[in-house]
Amino acid sequence: MPRHAAASSNRANQLNPNHAAYWQSRGYEGRPSSWQAEVTGNQRAGAYEHSTNLAATISKQQKAERGHVTQTVETVTRHHFGGNAHVLHAGSQKKHTDIASTRDLDLMVSSRPWTASDKLHVTSELQKQFGRDAVHESRYRIKVQTKAGSVDVVPQRAEFLPSQRNAPPTDRFHANPKGQQAVRGIKMRAQAEGLHLKGDHIERKVLKAQQEHPHLRNFELEGFVFDQLM
C-alpha cells in the first residue's frame, strides 16, 4: 500500500470509534467496554463547545461599538495623562470567558497614578463624549453606559485605590478552552434562570474544580460547579 494511502487509512481508523486505533490514539489500550458512553459523551462535549463559543461571538456592529468606546477612552486619557497612557482590556473579555449577551466591557488605564482630581477630570471629559447622564463616577472607577453596553473604566494605579494599584489584566484561562467553555455555560445558565453570579467567583470555582477533577468534560465541569454555586 502506498505511504499516503496507509497514512490516510490510519487517520480514518483514528476517527472511527469502532476501531482500536481510535482509542489507542486517545490513551486507551484498546476499545473500552463503555465505549458507546464515551462516544456519546465526546459528542455532547463537542456540541457544548460549539454552543458556548457561539454565545461568545459578537456581531460586527458590537465589535465596532466596542472599538469606538475603547478608542474614545484612550483618546480622553491620553489627552489628560500624556501619550504614554494606554487602555488595556480587562475582565472576562481578556480571559475569553465572556458571553455576548452580557454586553459589558472592562477597560483599565495604564498611566501615572490617578489622583481624585484626575478621576473628576476624566469623568467630565467622558461625559462630553457620551452624555452627562451616561457617565457616573464611583469610589474606584468610572461607569459609562454606551451602545456597547456597560463599561467600567478603572485606573491601574491610583492614590484612592485600597492597595494603590489594580493588578494588570491577566488571562488565567490561557490555553484552557474547557474552562472557558464551562464558565460561559454557567453564565448562560445563570442568565436564563435569572440568577446573579459574579464572573470572578465562577472562574475561581471552575479552576479549582479542574484541579480537583481534571478528567471532567466541559459540560460535566459546568454541572459540577453550578451545583456548588447554588
C-alpha atoms as a PDB file:
ATOM      1  CA  MET A   1       0.000   0.000   0.000  1.00  0.00           C
ATOM      2  CA  PRO A   2       1.403   3.450  -0.940  1.00  0.00           C
ATOM      3  CA  ARG A   3       2.630   5.516   2.025  1.00  0.00           C
ATOM      4  CA  HIS A   4      -0.011   8.220   1.579  1.00  0.00           C
ATOM      5  CA  ALA A   5      -2.763   5.607   1.363  1.00  0.00           C
ATOM      6  CA  ALA A   6      -1.526   3.918   4.552  1.00  0.00           C
ATOM      7  CA  ALA A   7      -1.424   7.261   6.366  1.00  0.00           C
ATOM      8  CA  SER A   8      -4.935   8.064   5.167  1.00  0.00           C
ATOM      9  CA  SER A   9      -6.191   4.678   6.316  1.00  0.00           C
ATOM     10  CA  ASN A  10      -4.587   5.103   9.753  1.00  0.00           C
ATOM     11  CA  ARG A  11      -6.118   8.560  10.084  1.00  0.00           C
ATOM     12  CA  ALA A  12      -9.534   7.156   9.198  1.00  0.00           C
ATOM     13  CA  ASN A  13      -9.130   4.427  11.841  1.00  0.00           C
ATOM     14  CA  GLN A  14      -8.240   7.057  14.472  1.00  0.00           C
ATOM     15  CA  LEU A  15     -11.523   8.816  13.715  1.00  0.00           C
ATOM     16  CA  ASN A  16     -13.592   5.631  13.858  1.00  0.00           C
ATOM     17  CA  PRO A  17     -14.748   4.722  17.414  1.00  0.00           C
ATOM     18  CA  ASN A  18     -15.361   1.130  16.217  1.00  0.00           C
ATOM     19  CA  HIS A  19     -11.608   0.701  15.604  1.00  0.00           C
ATOM     20  CA  ALA A  20      -8.973   0.106  18.298  1.00  0.00           C
ATOM     21  CA  ALA A  21      -6.748   2.818  16.770  1.00  0.00           C
ATOM     22  CA  TYR A  22      -9.356   5.426  17.742  1.00  0.00           C
ATOM     23  CA  TRP A  23      -8.978   4.571  21.426  1.00  0.00           C
ATOM     24  CA  GLN A  24      -5.229   3.956  21.335  1.00  0.00           C
ATOM     25  CA  SER A  25      -4.701   7.461  19.909  1.00  0.00           C
ATOM     26  CA  ARG A  26      -6.609   8.760  22.959  1.00  0.00           C
ATOM     27  CA  GLY A  27      -4.520   6.951  25.565  1.00  0.00           C
ATOM     28  CA  TYR A  28      -6.534   3.740  25.927  1.00  0.00           C
ATOM     29  CA  GLU A  29      -5.035   0.277  25.479  1.00  0.00           C
ATOM     30  CA  GLY A  30      -7.977  -0.688  23.316  1.00  0.00           C
ATOM     31  CA  ARG A  31     -11.682  -0.093  22.910  1.00  0.00           C
ATOM     32  CA  PRO A  32     -13.194   0.097  26.427  1.00  0.00           C
ATOM     33  CA  SER A  33     -16.329  -1.803  27.345  1.00  0.00           C
ATOM     34  CA  SER A  34     -18.098   1.539  27.914  1.00  0.00           C
ATOM     35  CA  TRP A  35     -17.075   2.872  24.519  1.00  0.00           C
ATOM     36  CA  GLN A  36     -20.581   3.849  23.448  1.00  0.00           C
ATOM     37  CA  ALA A  37     -20.997   6.051  26.536  1.00  0.00           C
ATOM     38  CA  GLU A  38     -17.572   7.545  25.810  1.00  0.00           C
ATOM     39  CA  VAL A  39     -18.564   8.378  22.238  1.00  0.00           C
ATOM     40  CA  THR A  40     -21.862   9.906  23.382  1.00  0.00           C
ATOM     41  CA  GLY A  41     -20.025  11.990  25.989  1.00  0.00           C
ATOM     42  CA  ASN A  42     -17.489  13.212  23.443  1.00  0.00           C
ATOM     43  CA  GLN A  43     -20.264  14.161  21.031  1.00  0.00           C
ATOM     44  CA  ARG A  44     -22.052  16.078  23.769  1.00  0.00           C
ATOM     45  CA  ALA A  45     -18.798  17.838  24.685  1.00  0.00           C
ATOM     46  CA  GLY A  46     -18.350  18.864  21.043  1.00  0.00           C
ATOM     47  CA  ALA A  47     -21.881  20.259  20.866  1.00  0.00           C
ATOM     48  CA  TYR A  48     -21.342  22.099  24.160  1.00  0.00           C
ATOM     49  CA  GLU A  49     -18.106  23.615  22.857  1.00  0.00           C
ATOM     50  CA  HIS A  50     -19.917  24.870  19.760  1.00  0.00           C
ATOM     51  CA  SER A  51     -22.818  26.416  21.701  1.00  0.00           C
ATOM     52  CA  THR A  52     -20.624  28.193  24.263  1.00  0.00           C
ATOM     53  CA  ASN A  53     -18.256  29.515  21.613  1.00  0.00           C
ATOM     54  CA  LEU A  54     -21.257  30.748  19.643  1.00  0.00           C
ATOM     55  CA  ALA A  55     -22.574  32.526  22.754  1.00  0.00           C
ATOM     56  CA  ALA A  56     -19.312  34.478  22.941  1.00  0.00           C
ATOM     57  CA  THR A  57     -19.451  35.621  19.314  1.00  0.00           C
ATOM     58  CA  ILE A  58     -20.291  39.285  18.876  1.00  0.00           C
ATOM     59  CA  SER A  59     -21.663  40.905  15.750  1.00  0.00           C
ATOM     60  CA  LYS A  60     -19.682  43.251  13.535  1.00  0.00           C
ATOM     61  CA  GLN A  61     -21.765  46.115  14.913  1.00  0.00           C
ATOM     62  CA  GLN A  62     -20.992  45.150  18.523  1.00  0.00           C
ATOM     63  CA  LYS A  63     -17.313  44.840  17.670  1.00  0.00           C
ATOM     64  CA  ALA A  64     -17.342  48.284  16.041  1.00  0.00           C
ATOM     65  CA  GLU A  65     -19.159  49.806  19.045  1.00  0.00           C
ATOM     66  CA  ARG A  66     -16.660  48.329  21.490  1.00  0.00           C
ATOM     67  CA  GLY A  67     -13.804  49.553  19.341  1.00  0.00           C
ATOM     68  CA  HIS A  68     -15.257  53.051  19.299  1.00  0.00           C
ATOM     69  CA  VAL A  69     -15.669  53.112  23.087  1.00  0.00           C
ATOM     70  CA  THR A  70     -12.125  51.836  23.649  1.00  0.00           C
ATOM     71  CA  GLN A  71     -10.689  54.387  21.249  1.00  0.00           C
ATOM     72  CA  THR A  72     -12.657  57.229  22.859  1.00  0.00           C
ATOM     73  CA  VAL A  73     -11.492  56.295  26.363  1.00  0.00           C
ATOM     74  CA  GLU A  74      -7.912  56.044  25.144  1.00  0.00           C
ATOM     75  CA  THR A  75      -8.109  59.437  23.410  1.00  0.00           C
ATOM     76  CA  VAL A  76      -9.514  61.124  26.529  1.00  0.00           C
ATOM     77  CA  THR A  77      -6.991  59.561  28.905  1.00  0.00           C
ATOM     78  CA  ARG A  78      -4.000  60.173  26.626  1.00  0.00           C
ATOM     79  CA  HIS A  79      -5.004  63.800  26.244  1.00  0.00           C
ATOM     80  CA  HIS A  80      -5.041  64.137  30.034  1.00  0.00           C
ATOM     81  CA  PHE A  81      -2.178  61.860  31.132  1.00  0.00           C
ATOM     82  CA  GLY A  82       0.068  62.067  28.082  1.00  0.00           C
ATOM     83  CA  GLY A  83       0.993  59.823  25.176  1.00  0.00           C
ATOM     84  CA  ASN A  84       2.343  57.043  27.366  1.00  0.00           C
ATOM     85  CA  ALA A  85      -1.124  56.296  28.720  1.00  0.00           C
ATOM     86  CA  HIS A  86      -2.896  53.384  27.093  1.00  0.00           C
ATOM     87  CA  VAL A  87      -6.040  51.316  27.589  1.00  0.00           C
ATOM     88  CA  LEU A  88      -5.982  47.580  28.339  1.00  0.00           C
ATOM     89  CA  HIS A  89      -8.876  45.189  28.005  1.00  0.00           C
ATOM     90  CA  ALA A  90      -9.559  43.510  31.333  1.00  0.00           C
ATOM     91  CA  GLY A  91     -12.179  41.298  32.933  1.00  0.00           C
ATOM     92  CA  SER A  92     -13.909  38.413  31.177  1.00  0.00           C
ATOM     93  CA  GLN A  93     -13.093  39.727  27.711  1.00  0.00           C
ATOM     94  CA  LYS A  94      -9.380  39.470  28.466  1.00  0.00           C
ATOM     95  CA  LYS A  95      -9.850  35.917  29.772  1.00  0.00           C
ATOM     96  CA  HIS A  96     -12.196  34.882  26.929  1.00  0.00           C
ATOM     97  CA  THR A  97     -14.890  33.859  29.399  1.00  0.00           C
ATOM     98  CA  ASP A  98     -17.390  36.491  28.270  1.00  0.00           C
ATOM     99  CA  ILE A  99     -20.720  35.956  26.553  1.00  0.00           C
ATOM    100  CA  ALA A 100     -22.072  38.463  24.069  1.00  0.00           C
ATOM    101  CA  SER A 101     -25.453  38.867  25.774  1.00  0.00           C
ATOM    102  CA  THR A 102     -23.965  40.423  28.930  1.00  0.00           C
ATOM    103  CA  ARG A 103     -22.746  43.410  26.883  1.00  0.00           C
ATOM    104  CA  ASP A 104     -20.213  44.666  29.415  1.00  0.00           C
ATOM    105  CA  LEU A 105     -16.659  45.884  28.962  1.00  0.00           C
ATOM    106  CA  ASP A 106     -13.807  46.412  31.419  1.00  0.00           C
ATOM    107  CA  LEU A 107     -11.107  48.896  30.447  1.00  0.00           C
ATOM    108  CA  MET A 108      -8.016  49.513  32.562  1.00  0.00           C
ATOM    109  CA  VAL A 109      -5.997  52.690  32.024  1.00  0.00           C
ATOM    110  CA  SER A 110      -2.242  52.313  32.399  1.00  0.00           C
ATOM    111  CA  SER A 111      -0.701  55.709  33.220  1.00  0.00           C
ATOM    112  CA  ARG A 112       0.845  57.609  36.068  1.00  0.00           C
ATOM    113  CA  PRO A 113      -1.113  57.152  39.345  1.00  0.00           C
ATOM    114  CA  TRP A 114      -4.503  58.850  39.289  1.00  0.00           C
ATOM    115  CA  THR A 115      -5.484  61.398  41.877  1.00  0.00           C
ATOM    116  CA  ALA A 116      -9.079  62.133  42.857  1.00  0.00           C
ATOM    117  CA  SER A 117      -8.805  65.258  40.721  1.00  0.00           C
ATOM    118  CA  ASP A 118      -7.743  63.157  37.719  1.00  0.00           C
ATOM    119  CA  LYS A 119     -10.816  60.965  38.133  1.00  0.00           C
ATOM    120  CA  LEU A 120     -13.066  64.013  38.199  1.00  0.00           C
ATOM    121  CA  HIS A 121     -11.444  65.395  35.066  1.00  0.00           C
ATOM    122  CA  VAL A 122     -11.662  62.121  33.108  1.00  0.00           C
ATOM    123  CA  THR A 123     -15.301  61.743  34.183  1.00  0.00           C
ATOM    124  CA  SER A 124     -16.081  65.235  32.921  1.00  0.00           C
ATOM    125  CA  GLU A 125     -14.384  64.592  29.571  1.00  0.00           C
ATOM    126  CA  LEU A 126     -16.177  61.271  29.109  1.00  0.00           C
ATOM    127  CA  GLN A 127     -19.480  62.981  29.864  1.00  0.00           C
ATOM    128  CA  LYS A 128     -18.778  65.337  26.959  1.00  0.00           C
ATOM    129  CA  GLN A 129     -18.326  62.311  24.686  1.00  0.00           C
ATOM    130  CA  PHE A 130     -21.133  60.039  25.879  1.00  0.00           C
ATOM    131  CA  GLY A 131     -23.552  62.402  27.632  1.00  0.00           C
ATOM    132  CA  ARG A 132     -23.767  63.572  31.222  1.00  0.00           C
ATOM    133  CA  ASP A 133     -26.428  61.038  32.233  1.00  0.00           C
ATOM    134  CA  ALA A 134     -24.412  58.143  30.731  1.00  0.00           C
ATOM    135  CA  VAL A 135     -21.253  58.633  32.816  1.00  0.00           C
ATOM    136  CA  HIS A 136     -21.086  58.222  36.580  1.00  0.00           C
ATOM    137  CA  GLU A 137     -18.137  58.376  38.932  1.00  0.00           C
ATOM    138  CA  SER A 138     -17.861  55.914  41.818  1.00  0.00           C
ATOM    139  CA  ARG A 139     -15.261  55.428  44.521  1.00  0.00           C
ATOM    140  CA  TYR A 140     -12.804  53.383  42.486  1.00  0.00           C
ATOM    141  CA  ARG A 141     -13.992  53.580  38.870  1.00  0.00           C
ATOM    142  CA  ILE A 142     -15.964  55.411  36.219  1.00  0.00           C
ATOM    143  CA  LYS A 143     -19.027  53.666  34.789  1.00  0.00           C
ATOM    144  CA  VAL A 144     -20.195  54.528  31.283  1.00  0.00           C
ATOM    145  CA  GLN A 145     -23.433  53.399  29.623  1.00  0.00           C
ATOM    146  CA  THR A 146     -22.892  53.085  25.870  1.00  0.00           C
ATOM    147  CA  LYS A 147     -24.278  51.314  22.821  1.00  0.00           C
ATOM    148  CA  ALA A 148     -21.634  48.668  23.522  1.00  0.00           C
ATOM    149  CA  GLY A 149     -23.166  48.078  26.956  1.00  0.00           C
ATOM    150  CA  SER A 150     -21.959  48.956  30.424  1.00  0.00           C
ATOM    151  CA  VAL A 151     -18.300  49.992  30.504  1.00  0.00           C
ATOM    152  CA  ASP A 152     -16.131  50.173  33.627  1.00  0.00           C
ATOM    153  CA  VAL A 153     -13.089  52.433  33.306  1.00  0.00           C
ATOM    154  CA  VAL A 154     -10.563  51.766  36.073  1.00  0.00           C
ATOM    155  CA  PRO A 155      -7.028  53.055  36.695  1.00  0.00           C
ATOM    156  CA  GLN A 156      -4.207  50.579  37.034  1.00  0.00           C
ATOM    157  CA  ARG A 157      -2.642  52.841  39.645  1.00  0.00           C
ATOM    158  CA  ALA A 158      -4.355  55.478  41.792  1.00  0.00           C
ATOM    159  CA  GLU A 159      -3.905  57.063  45.194  1.00  0.00           C
ATOM    160  CA  PHE A 160      -7.554  56.357  46.041  1.00  0.00           C
ATOM    161  CA  LEU A 161      -7.319  52.582  45.455  1.00  0.00           C
ATOM    162  CA  PRO A 162      -7.072  50.437  48.614  1.00  0.00           C
ATOM    163  CA  SER A 163      -3.728  48.936  47.573  1.00  0.00           C
ATOM    164  CA  GLN A 164      -2.686  51.899  45.391  1.00  0.00           C
ATOM    165  CA  ARG A 165      -2.939  49.747  42.255  1.00  0.00           C
ATOM    166  CA  ASN A 166      -5.062  47.185  40.463  1.00  0.00           C
ATOM    167  CA  ALA A 167      -3.380  44.031  39.238  1.00  0.00           C
ATOM    168  CA  PRO A 168      -2.644  44.196  35.499  1.00  0.00           C
ATOM    169  CA  PRO A 169      -5.085  42.226  33.339  1.00  0.00           C
ATOM    170  CA  THR A 170      -4.205  38.531  33.195  1.00  0.00           C
ATOM    171  CA  ASP A 171      -5.592  35.620  31.235  1.00  0.00           C
ATOM    172  CA  ARG A 172      -5.957  32.943  33.903  1.00  0.00           C
ATOM    173  CA  PHE A 173      -7.648  30.736  31.284  1.00  0.00           C
ATOM    174  CA  HIS A 174      -4.731  30.803  28.839  1.00  0.00           C
ATOM    175  CA  ALA A 175      -4.723  27.562  26.841  1.00  0.00           C
ATOM    176  CA  ASN A 176      -7.714  26.311  28.838  1.00  0.00           C
ATOM    177  CA  PRO A 177     -10.650  26.167  26.400  1.00  0.00           C
ATOM    178  CA  LYS A 178     -12.538  23.612  28.513  1.00  0.00           C
ATOM    179  CA  GLY A 179     -12.502  26.000  31.464  1.00  0.00           C
ATOM    180  CA  GLN A 180     -13.542  28.938  29.266  1.00  0.00           C
ATOM    181  CA  GLN A 181     -16.478  26.960  27.906  1.00  0.00           C
ATOM    182  CA  ALA A 182     -17.613  25.894  31.382  1.00  0.00           C
ATOM    183  CA  VAL A 183     -17.544  29.493  32.654  1.00  0.00           C
ATOM    184  CA  ARG A 184     -19.533  30.681  29.650  1.00  0.00           C
ATOM    185  CA  GLY A 185     -22.017  27.860  30.114  1.00  0.00           C
ATOM    186  CA  ILE A 186     -22.557  28.735  33.771  1.00  0.00           C
ATOM    187  CA  LYS A 187     -23.084  32.395  32.852  1.00  0.00           C
ATOM    188  CA  MET A 188     -25.619  31.402  30.197  1.00  0.00           C
ATOM    189  CA  ARG A 189     -27.444  29.120  32.603  1.00  0.00           C
ATOM    190  CA  ALA A 190     -27.482  31.729  35.373  1.00  0.00           C
ATOM    191  CA  GLN A 191     -28.797  34.347  32.957  1.00  0.00           C
ATOM    192  CA  ALA A 192     -31.558  32.026  31.763  1.00  0.00           C
ATOM    193  CA  GLU A 193     -32.587  31.323  35.365  1.00  0.00           C
ATOM    194  CA  GLY A 194     -32.418  34.958  36.444  1.00  0.00           C
ATOM    195  CA  LEU A 195     -29.505  34.379  38.824  1.00  0.00           C
ATOM    196  CA  HIS A 196     -26.841  36.983  39.567  1.00  0.00           C
ATOM    197  CA  LEU A 197     -23.465  35.289  39.905  1.00  0.00           C
ATOM    198  CA  LYS A 198     -20.172  37.173  39.885  1.00  0.00           C
ATOM    199  CA  GLY A 199     -17.938  36.230  36.978  1.00  0.00           C
ATOM    200  CA  ASP A 200     -14.764  36.192  39.049  1.00  0.00           C
ATOM    201  CA  HIS A 201     -16.361  33.827  41.571  1.00  0.00           C
ATOM    202  CA  ILE A 202     -17.465  31.483  38.780  1.00  0.00           C
ATOM    203  CA  GLU A 203     -13.970  31.491  37.271  1.00  0.00           C
ATOM    204  CA  ARG A 204     -12.267  30.647  40.563  1.00  0.00           C
ATOM    205  CA  LYS A 205     -14.688  27.797  41.211  1.00  0.00           C
ATOM    206  CA  VAL A 206     -14.128  26.360  37.719  1.00  0.00           C
ATOM    207  CA  LEU A 207     -10.334  26.484  38.038  1.00  0.00           C
ATOM    208  CA  LYS A 208     -10.466  24.797  41.447  1.00  0.00           C
ATOM    209  CA  ALA A 209     -12.792  22.098  40.120  1.00  0.00           C
ATOM    210  CA  GLN A 210     -10.437  21.452  37.216  1.00  0.00           C
ATOM    211  CA  GLN A 211      -7.536  20.967  39.607  1.00  0.00           C
ATOM    212  CA  GLU A 212      -9.514  18.507  41.719  1.00  0.00           C
ATOM    213  CA  HIS A 213     -11.291  16.713  38.837  1.00  0.00           C
ATOM    214  CA  PRO A 214      -9.105  17.102  35.709  1.00  0.00           C
ATOM    215  CA  HIS A 215     -10.975  14.461  33.714  1.00  0.00           C
ATOM    216  CA  LEU A 216     -14.362  16.212  33.759  1.00  0.00           C
ATOM    217  CA  ARG A 217     -15.604  17.195  30.307  1.00  0.00           C
ATOM    218  CA  ASN A 218     -16.685  20.779  29.668  1.00  0.00           C
ATOM    219  CA  PHE A 219     -20.419  20.158  30.256  1.00  0.00           C
ATOM    220  CA  GLU A 220     -19.669  17.969  33.291  1.00  0.00           C
ATOM    221  CA  LEU A 221     -17.496  20.741  34.701  1.00  0.00           C
ATOM    222  CA  GLU A 222     -20.358  23.209  34.279  1.00  0.00           C
ATOM    223  CA  GLY A 223     -22.816  20.968  36.099  1.00  0.00           C
ATOM    224  CA  PHE A 224     -20.398  20.233  38.929  1.00  0.00           C
ATOM    225  CA  VAL A 225     -19.575  23.907  39.562  1.00  0.00           C
ATOM    226  CA  PHE A 226     -23.135  25.170  39.064  1.00  0.00           C
ATOM    227  CA  ASP A 227     -24.338  22.797  41.788  1.00  0.00           C
ATOM    228  CA  GLN A 228     -21.635  24.179  44.103  1.00  0.00           C
ATOM    229  CA  LEU A 229     -22.741  27.737  43.420  1.00  0.00           C
ATOM    230  CA  MET A 230     -26.374  27.032  44.319  1.00  0.00           C
END
